[in-house]
Amino acid sequence: MRNKLLFGVMVLLMVTGQAVAVATDASDPVSIIQEATNHILGVLESHREEFTENPKLLREVVRNDLMPLIDLDYSARLILGKSGRGVSAQQLSEFSAAMSNLLVNRYADGLLQFRSDEQLQVLPMKGKNTDKLTRVRTRIKLPSGSYAPIDYAFRKTNEGWKAFDVTVEGISYVITFRNQISPRVVADGIDKVTADINAGNVSLDEQ
């Protein structure tokens, strides 16, 4: 339950509505996180009863709002690592789409546990941040009263700032999934792994 909440919040902060998407070129990563949070919280509060009765509706909201803010292909390449050498652009696109659908289907339901922006704190920027890597630090208040750190990695692209990784309590989503997916790709090939993900035949652990 704890992981589902945390990764649900991960998805929450990696999604954005059309109004946020339009502004990404001019926005800095912290502003993008804050605007995305305000947007999705508003949607959640307005339709919580509907989403609770039919979680598929929430998954569709997340899926439709997910794409503009995420550097899906770059994140997919990081997950594949060395096993992605020689993968075509089409294969990469299909793999990244499969991974994004996996995340949405797996973690969107956890958003229903997230009830107030008071549970979330966006911390001041610190350290060296560049166009290639800027980290946004947040923390989420858990039901126990403790706080869990969730950090987002952004890079600046031709389409503005895009998120490509998230670290939950010190655990990188990219590295975690690379350790589990890359050996499958080496053994079975990218096409089979993509098909298995889409068919729900790939079981991935958060840790």
C-alpha atoms as a PDB file:
ATOM      1  CA  MET A   1       0.000   0.000   0.000  1.00  0.00           C
ATOM      2  CA  ARG A   2       2.859   2.370   0.854  1.00  0.00           C
ATOM      3  CA  ASN A   3       4.587   1.813  -2.493  1.00  0.00           C
ATOM      4  CA  LYS A   4       1.302   2.203  -4.356  1.00  0.00           C
ATOM      5  CA  LEU A   5       0.709   5.573  -2.696  1.00  0.00           C
ATOM      6  CA  LEU A   6       4.254   6.772  -3.351  1.00  0.00           C
ATOM      7  CA  PHE A   7       4.317   5.695  -6.958  1.00  0.00           C
ATOM      8  CA  GLY A   8       0.815   7.069  -7.373  1.00  0.00           C
ATOM      9  CA  VAL A   9       2.146  10.418  -6.253  1.00  0.00           C
ATOM     10  CA  MET A  10       5.033   9.911  -8.656  1.00  0.00           C
ATOM     11  CA  VAL A  11       2.531   9.655 -11.483  1.00  0.00           C
ATOM     12  CA  LEU A  12       0.598  12.634 -10.091  1.00  0.00           C
ATOM     13  CA  LEU A  13       3.635  14.884 -10.279  1.00  0.00           C
ATOM     14  CA  MET A  14       4.679  13.605 -13.689  1.00  0.00           C
ATOM     15  CA  VAL A  15       1.334  14.411 -15.299  1.00  0.00           C
ATOM     16  CA  THR A  16       0.071  17.763 -16.514  1.00  0.00           C
ATOM     17  CA  GLY A  17      -3.060  19.219 -18.071  1.00  0.00           C
ATOM     18  CA  GLN A  18      -3.245  21.108 -21.346  1.00  0.00           C
ATOM     19  CA  ALA A  19      -2.849  24.473 -19.613  1.00  0.00           C
ATOM     20  CA  VAL A  20       0.397  23.314 -18.020  1.00  0.00           C
ATOM     21  CA  ALA A  21       1.644  21.715 -21.238  1.00  0.00           C
ATOM     22  CA  VAL A  22       1.272  24.984 -23.128  1.00  0.00           C
ATOM     23  CA  ALA A  23       3.437  26.762 -20.570  1.00  0.00           C
ATOM     24  CA  THR A  24       6.263  24.223 -20.302  1.00  0.00           C
ATOM     25  CA  ASP A  25       8.611  26.116 -22.632  1.00  0.00           C
ATOM     26  CA  ALA A  26       8.606  29.160 -20.365  1.00  0.00           C
ATOM     27  CA  SER A  27       8.368  27.362 -17.045  1.00  0.00           C
ATOM     28  CA  ASP A  28      11.130  26.108 -14.818  1.00  0.00           C
ATOM     29  CA  PRO A  29      10.899  22.545 -13.422  1.00  0.00           C
ATOM     30  CA  VAL A  30       9.715  23.679  -9.983  1.00  0.00           C
ATOM     31  CA  SER A  31       6.862  25.681 -11.505  1.00  0.00           C
ATOM     32  CA  ILE A  32       5.916  22.734 -13.711  1.00  0.00           C
ATOM     33  CA  ILE A  33       5.697  20.456 -10.680  1.00  0.00           C
ATOM     34  CA  GLN A  34       3.596  22.965  -8.744  1.00  0.00           C
ATOM     35  CA  GLU A  35       1.228  23.673 -11.641  1.00  0.00           C
ATOM     36  CA  ALA A  36       0.838  19.990 -12.466  1.00  0.00           C
ATOM     37  CA  THR A  37       0.041  19.249  -8.831  1.00  0.00           C
ATOM     38  CA  ASN A  38      -2.600  21.971  -8.646  1.00  0.00           C
ATOM     39  CA  HIS A  39      -4.175  20.745 -11.863  1.00  0.00           C
ATOM     40  CA  ILE A  40      -4.415  17.058 -11.017  1.00  0.00           C
ATOM     41  CA  LEU A  41      -5.542  17.737  -7.435  1.00  0.00           C
ATOM     42  CA  GLY A  42      -8.378  19.836  -8.805  1.00  0.00           C
ATOM     43  CA  VAL A  43      -9.404  17.028 -11.135  1.00  0.00           C
ATOM     44  CA  LEU A  44      -9.221  14.491  -8.318  1.00  0.00           C
ATOM     45  CA  GLU A  45     -11.324  16.521  -5.922  1.00  0.00           C
ATOM     46  CA  SER A  46     -13.938  17.325  -8.557  1.00  0.00           C
ATOM     47  CA  HIS A  47     -14.390  13.723  -9.671  1.00  0.00           C
ATOM     48  CA  ARG A  48     -13.245  11.631  -6.701  1.00  0.00           C
ATOM     49  CA  GLU A  49     -16.561   9.797  -6.356  1.00  0.00           C
ATOM     50  CA  GLU A  50     -16.586   8.910 -10.055  1.00  0.00           C
ATOM     51  CA  PHE A  51     -12.960   7.761  -9.961  1.00  0.00           C
ATOM     52  CA  THR A  52     -13.572   5.676  -6.855  1.00  0.00           C
ATOM     53  CA  GLU A  53     -16.482   3.905  -8.502  1.00  0.00           C
ATOM     54  CA  ASN A  54     -14.671   3.482 -11.806  1.00  0.00           C
ATOM     55  CA  PRO A  55     -10.839   3.665 -11.476  1.00  0.00           C
ATOM     56  CA  LYS A  56     -10.494   3.244 -15.244  1.00  0.00           C
ATOM     57  CA  LEU A  57     -11.697   6.827 -15.637  1.00  0.00           C
ATOM     58  CA  LEU A  58      -8.809   8.090 -13.521  1.00  0.00           C
ATOM     59  CA  ARG A  59      -6.357   5.997 -15.508  1.00  0.00           C
ATOM     60  CA  GLU A  60      -7.616   7.625 -18.689  1.00  0.00           C
ATOM     61  CA  VAL A  61      -7.177  11.110 -17.204  1.00  0.00           C
ATOM     62  CA  VAL A  62      -3.622  10.257 -16.179  1.00  0.00           C
ATOM     63  CA  ARG A  63      -2.855   8.633 -19.529  1.00  0.00           C
ATOM     64  CA  ASN A  64      -4.191  11.563 -21.536  1.00  0.00           C
ATOM     65  CA  ASP A  65      -2.286  14.099 -19.436  1.00  0.00           C
ATOM     66  CA  LEU A  66       0.934  12.102 -19.099  1.00  0.00           C
ATOM     67  CA  MET A  67       2.585  12.478 -22.469  1.00  0.00           C
ATOM     68  CA  PRO A  68       3.328  16.235 -22.748  1.00  0.00           C
ATOM     69  CA  LEU A  69       5.640  16.429 -19.734  1.00  0.00           C
ATOM     70  CA  ILE A  70       7.609  13.186 -19.959  1.00  0.00           C
ATOM     71  CA  ASP A  71      10.613  12.547 -22.163  1.00  0.00           C
ATOM     72  CA  LEU A  72       9.329   9.034 -22.839  1.00  0.00           C
ATOM     73  CA  ASP A  73      11.918   7.919 -25.392  1.00  0.00           C
ATOM     74  CA  TYR A  74      14.853   9.261 -23.369  1.00  0.00           C
ATOM     75  CA  SER A  75      13.577   7.560 -20.229  1.00  0.00           C
ATOM     76  CA  ALA A  76      13.046   4.339 -22.199  1.00  0.00           C
ATOM     77  CA  ARG A  77      16.618   4.446 -23.483  1.00  0.00           C
ATOM     78  CA  LEU A  78      17.897   4.848 -19.929  1.00  0.00           C
ATOM     79  CA  ILE A  79      15.821   1.862 -18.808  1.00  0.00           C
ATOM     80  CA  LEU A  80      17.123  -0.279 -21.673  1.00  0.00           C
ATOM     81  CA  GLY A  81      20.733   0.743 -21.072  1.00  0.00           C
ATOM     82  CA  LYS A  82      23.242  -1.259 -23.091  1.00  0.00           C
ATOM     83  CA  SER A  83      20.553  -3.725 -24.093  1.00  0.00           C
ATOM     84  CA  GLY A  84      18.989  -0.958 -26.174  1.00  0.00           C
ATOM     85  CA  ARG A  85      21.903  -0.701 -28.599  1.00  0.00           C
ATOM     86  CA  GLY A  86      20.694  -1.276 -32.140  1.00  0.00           C
ATOM     87  CA  VAL A  87      17.034  -0.726 -31.232  1.00  0.00           C
ATOM     88  CA  SER A  88      15.212   1.171 -33.974  1.00  0.00           C
ATOM     89  CA  ALA A  89      13.280   4.388 -33.374  1.00  0.00           C
ATOM     90  CA  GLN A  90      10.020   2.509 -33.926  1.00  0.00           C
ATOM     91  CA  GLN A  91      10.957  -0.226 -31.457  1.00  0.00           C
ATOM     92  CA  LEU A  92      11.962   2.386 -28.898  1.00  0.00           C
ATOM     93  CA  SER A  93       8.686   4.266 -29.355  1.00  0.00           C
ATOM     94  CA  GLU A  94       6.657   1.084 -28.897  1.00  0.00           C
ATOM     95  CA  PHE A  95       8.651   0.108 -25.809  1.00  0.00           C
ATOM     96  CA  SER A  96       8.308   3.570 -24.222  1.00  0.00           C
ATOM     97  CA  ALA A  97       4.542   3.530 -24.866  1.00  0.00           C
ATOM     98  CA  ALA A  98       4.280   0.104 -23.235  1.00  0.00           C
ATOM     99  CA  MET A  99       6.193   1.317 -20.180  1.00  0.00           C
ATOM    100  CA  SER A 100       4.060   4.446 -19.802  1.00  0.00           C
ATOM    101  CA  ASN A 101       0.877   2.372 -20.016  1.00  0.00           C
ATOM    102  CA  LEU A 102       2.297  -0.002 -17.412  1.00  0.00           C
ATOM    103  CA  LEU A 103       2.954   2.863 -14.991  1.00  0.00           C
ATOM    104  CA  VAL A 104      -0.468   4.413 -15.508  1.00  0.00           C
ATOM    105  CA  ASN A 105      -2.356   1.136 -15.110  1.00  0.00           C
ATOM    106  CA  ARG A 106      -0.308   0.111 -12.099  1.00  0.00           C
ATOM    107  CA  TYR A 107      -0.135   3.282 -10.057  1.00  0.00           C
ATOM    108  CA  ALA A 108      -2.963   5.643 -11.000  1.00  0.00           C
ATOM    109  CA  ASP A 109      -5.246   4.052  -8.409  1.00  0.00           C
ATOM    110  CA  GLY A 110      -2.830   5.170  -5.686  1.00  0.00           C
ATOM    111  CA  LEU A 111      -3.758   8.775  -6.459  1.00  0.00           C
ATOM    112  CA  LEU A 112      -7.146   8.204  -4.839  1.00  0.00           C
ATOM    113  CA  GLN A 113      -5.359   8.125  -1.472  1.00  0.00           C
ATOM    114  CA  PHE A 114      -3.906  11.578  -2.089  1.00  0.00           C
ATOM    115  CA  ARG A 115      -6.361  14.112  -0.681  1.00  0.00           C
ATOM    116  CA  SER A 116      -4.699  17.429  -0.040  1.00  0.00           C
ATOM    117  CA  ASP A 117      -1.884  19.604  -1.307  1.00  0.00           C
ATOM    118  CA  GLU A 118      -0.890  19.904   2.354  1.00  0.00           C
ATOM    119  CA  GLN A 119       0.460  16.363   2.012  1.00  0.00           C
ATOM    120  CA  LEU A 120       3.002  17.579  -0.538  1.00  0.00           C
ATOM    121  CA  GLN A 121       5.926  19.936  -0.121  1.00  0.00           C
ATOM    122  CA  VAL A 122       8.075  21.190  -2.997  1.00  0.00           C
ATOM    123  CA  LEU A 123      11.480  22.024  -1.531  1.00  0.00           C
ATOM    124  CA  PRO A 124      13.814  24.862  -2.587  1.00  0.00           C
ATOM    125  CA  MET A 125      16.319  24.057  -5.327  1.00  0.00           C
ATOM    126  CA  LYS A 126      19.842  23.245  -4.229  1.00  0.00           C
ATOM    127  CA  GLY A 127      23.074  21.950  -5.714  1.00  0.00           C
ATOM    128  CA  LYS A 128      24.290  22.312  -9.281  1.00  0.00           C
ATOM    129  CA  ASN A 129      21.460  22.198 -11.804  1.00  0.00           C
ATOM    130  CA  THR A 130      21.930  22.372 -15.564  1.00  0.00           C
ATOM    131  CA  ASP A 131      19.901  22.023 -18.753  1.00  0.00           C
ATOM    132  CA  LYS A 132      21.029  18.382 -18.927  1.00  0.00           C
ATOM    133  CA  LEU A 133      19.975  17.568 -15.364  1.00  0.00           C
ATOM    134  CA  THR A 134      17.907  19.552 -12.890  1.00  0.00           C
ATOM    135  CA  ARG A 135      16.498  17.885  -9.807  1.00  0.00           C
ATOM    136  CA  VAL A 136      13.282  18.964  -8.107  1.00  0.00           C
ATOM    137  CA  ARG A 137      12.982  17.742  -4.534  1.00  0.00           C
ATOM    138  CA  THR A 138       9.605  17.075  -2.947  1.00  0.00           C
ATOM    139  CA  ARG A 139       8.376  15.163   0.024  1.00  0.00           C
ATOM    140  CA  ILE A 140       5.044  13.537   0.717  1.00  0.00           C
ATOM    141  CA  LYS A 141       3.432  13.173   4.111  1.00  0.00           C
ATOM    142  CA  LEU A 142       2.442   9.575   4.800  1.00  0.00           C
ATOM    143  CA  PRO A 143      -0.516   8.423   6.917  1.00  0.00           C
ATOM    144  CA  SER A 144       1.987   7.591   9.691  1.00  0.00           C
ATOM    145  CA  GLY A 145       2.970  11.262   9.885  1.00  0.00           C
ATOM    146  CA  SER A 146       6.457  10.672   8.494  1.00  0.00           C
ATOM    147  CA  TYR A 147       7.681  12.135   5.213  1.00  0.00           C
ATOM    148  CA  ALA A 148       8.969  10.284   2.142  1.00  0.00           C
ATOM    149  CA  PRO A 149      11.337  12.084  -0.256  1.00  0.00           C
ATOM    150  CA  ILE A 150      10.448  12.009  -3.960  1.00  0.00           C
ATOM    151  CA  ASP A 151      12.897  13.665  -6.359  1.00  0.00           C
ATOM    152  CA  TYR A 152      12.326  14.377 -10.056  1.00  0.00           C
ATOM    153  CA  ALA A 153      15.009  14.557 -12.741  1.00  0.00           C
ATOM    154  CA  PHE A 154      14.367  17.021 -15.573  1.00  0.00           C
ATOM    155  CA  ARG A 155      16.293  17.915 -18.707  1.00  0.00           C
ATOM    156  CA  LYS A 156      15.698  20.736 -21.156  1.00  0.00           C
ATOM    157  CA  THR A 157      14.650  19.644 -24.642  1.00  0.00           C
ATOM    158  CA  ASN A 158      13.601  21.479 -27.786  1.00  0.00           C
ATOM    159  CA  GLU A 159      10.034  21.227 -26.456  1.00  0.00           C
ATOM    160  CA  GLY A 160      10.890  22.621 -23.027  1.00  0.00           C
ATOM    161  CA  TRP A 161      11.653  20.928 -19.716  1.00  0.00           C
ATOM    162  CA  LYS A 162      10.822  17.220 -19.575  1.00  0.00           C
ATOM    163  CA  ALA A 163      10.974  14.778 -16.676  1.00  0.00           C
ATOM    164  CA  PHE A 164      12.811  11.516 -17.309  1.00  0.00           C
ATOM    165  CA  ASP A 165      13.327   9.872 -13.913  1.00  0.00           C
ATOM    166  CA  VAL A 166      11.941   9.880 -10.401  1.00  0.00           C
ATOM    167  CA  THR A 167      13.640   8.725  -7.207  1.00  0.00           C
ATOM    168  CA  VAL A 168      11.354   7.542  -4.415  1.00  0.00           C
ATOM    169  CA  GLU A 169      13.032   7.185  -1.012  1.00  0.00           C
ATOM    170  CA  GLY A 170      16.418   6.871  -2.729  1.00  0.00           C
ATOM    171  CA  ILE A 171      15.212   4.349  -5.330  1.00  0.00           C
ATOM    172  CA  SER A 172      15.404   5.433  -8.984  1.00  0.00           C
ATOM    173  CA  TYR A 173      12.546   4.263 -11.181  1.00  0.00           C
ATOM    174  CA  VAL A 174      14.889   4.107 -14.201  1.00  0.00           C
ATOM    175  CA  ILE A 175      17.570   2.036 -12.458  1.00  0.00           C
ATOM    176  CA  THR A 176      15.046  -0.225 -10.752  1.00  0.00           C
ATOM    177  CA  PHE A 177      13.288  -1.100 -13.987  1.00  0.00           C
ATOM    178  CA  ARG A 178      16.567  -1.296 -15.964  1.00  0.00           C
ATOM    179  CA  ASN A 179      17.829  -3.991 -13.601  1.00  0.00           C
ATOM    180  CA  GLN A 180      14.719  -6.051 -14.283  1.00  0.00           C
ATOM    181  CA  ILE A 181      14.017  -5.316 -17.943  1.00  0.00           C
ATOM    182  CA  SER A 182      17.459  -5.138 -19.506  1.00  0.00           C
ATOM    183  CA  PRO A 183      18.259  -8.844 -18.894  1.00  0.00           C
ATOM    184  CA  ARG A 184      14.924  -9.782 -20.485  1.00  0.00           C
ATOM    185  CA  VAL A 185      15.762  -7.741 -23.578  1.00  0.00           C
ATOM    186  CA  VAL A 186      19.159  -9.412 -23.866  1.00  0.00           C
ATOM    187  CA  ALA A 187      17.560 -12.841 -23.546  1.00  0.00           C
ATOM    188  CA  ASP A 188      14.363 -12.406 -25.568  1.00  0.00           C
ATOM    189  CA  GLY A 189      14.725  -9.270 -27.683  1.00  0.00           C
ATOM    190  CA  ILE A 190      12.998  -5.899 -27.462  1.00  0.00           C
ATOM    191  CA  ASP A 191       9.931  -6.897 -29.497  1.00  0.00           C
ATOM    192  CA  LYS A 192       9.009  -9.819 -27.242  1.00  0.00           C
ATOM    193  CA  VAL A 193       9.580  -7.815 -24.065  1.00  0.00           C
ATOM    194  CA  THR A 194       7.384  -4.998 -25.377  1.00  0.00           C
ATOM    195  CA  ALA A 195       4.658  -7.475 -26.312  1.00  0.00           C
ATOM    196  CA  ASP A 196       4.902  -9.135 -22.886  1.00  0.00           C
ATOM    197  CA  ILE A 197       4.570  -5.761 -21.125  1.00  0.00           C
ATOM    198  CA  ASN A 198       1.495  -4.906 -23.189  1.00  0.00           C
ATOM    199  CA  ALA A 199      -0.006  -8.332 -22.443  1.00  0.00           C
ATOM    200  CA  GLY A 200       0.576  -7.938 -18.698  1.00  0.00           C
ATOM    201  CA  ASN A 201       3.056 -10.794 -18.620  1.00  0.00           C
ATOM    202  CA  VAL A 202       5.912  -8.827 -17.064  1.00  0.00           C
ATOM    203  CA  SER A 203       5.996  -8.533 -13.275  1.00  0.00           C
ATOM    204  CA  LEU A 204       8.139  -5.647 -12.032  1.00  0.00           C
ATOM    205  CA  ASP A 205       9.048  -4.821  -8.442  1.00  0.00           C
ATOM    206  CA  GLU A 206       9.465  -1.273  -7.177  1.00  0.00           C
ATOM    207  CA  GLN A 207      12.548  -2.280  -5.186  1.00  0.00           C
END
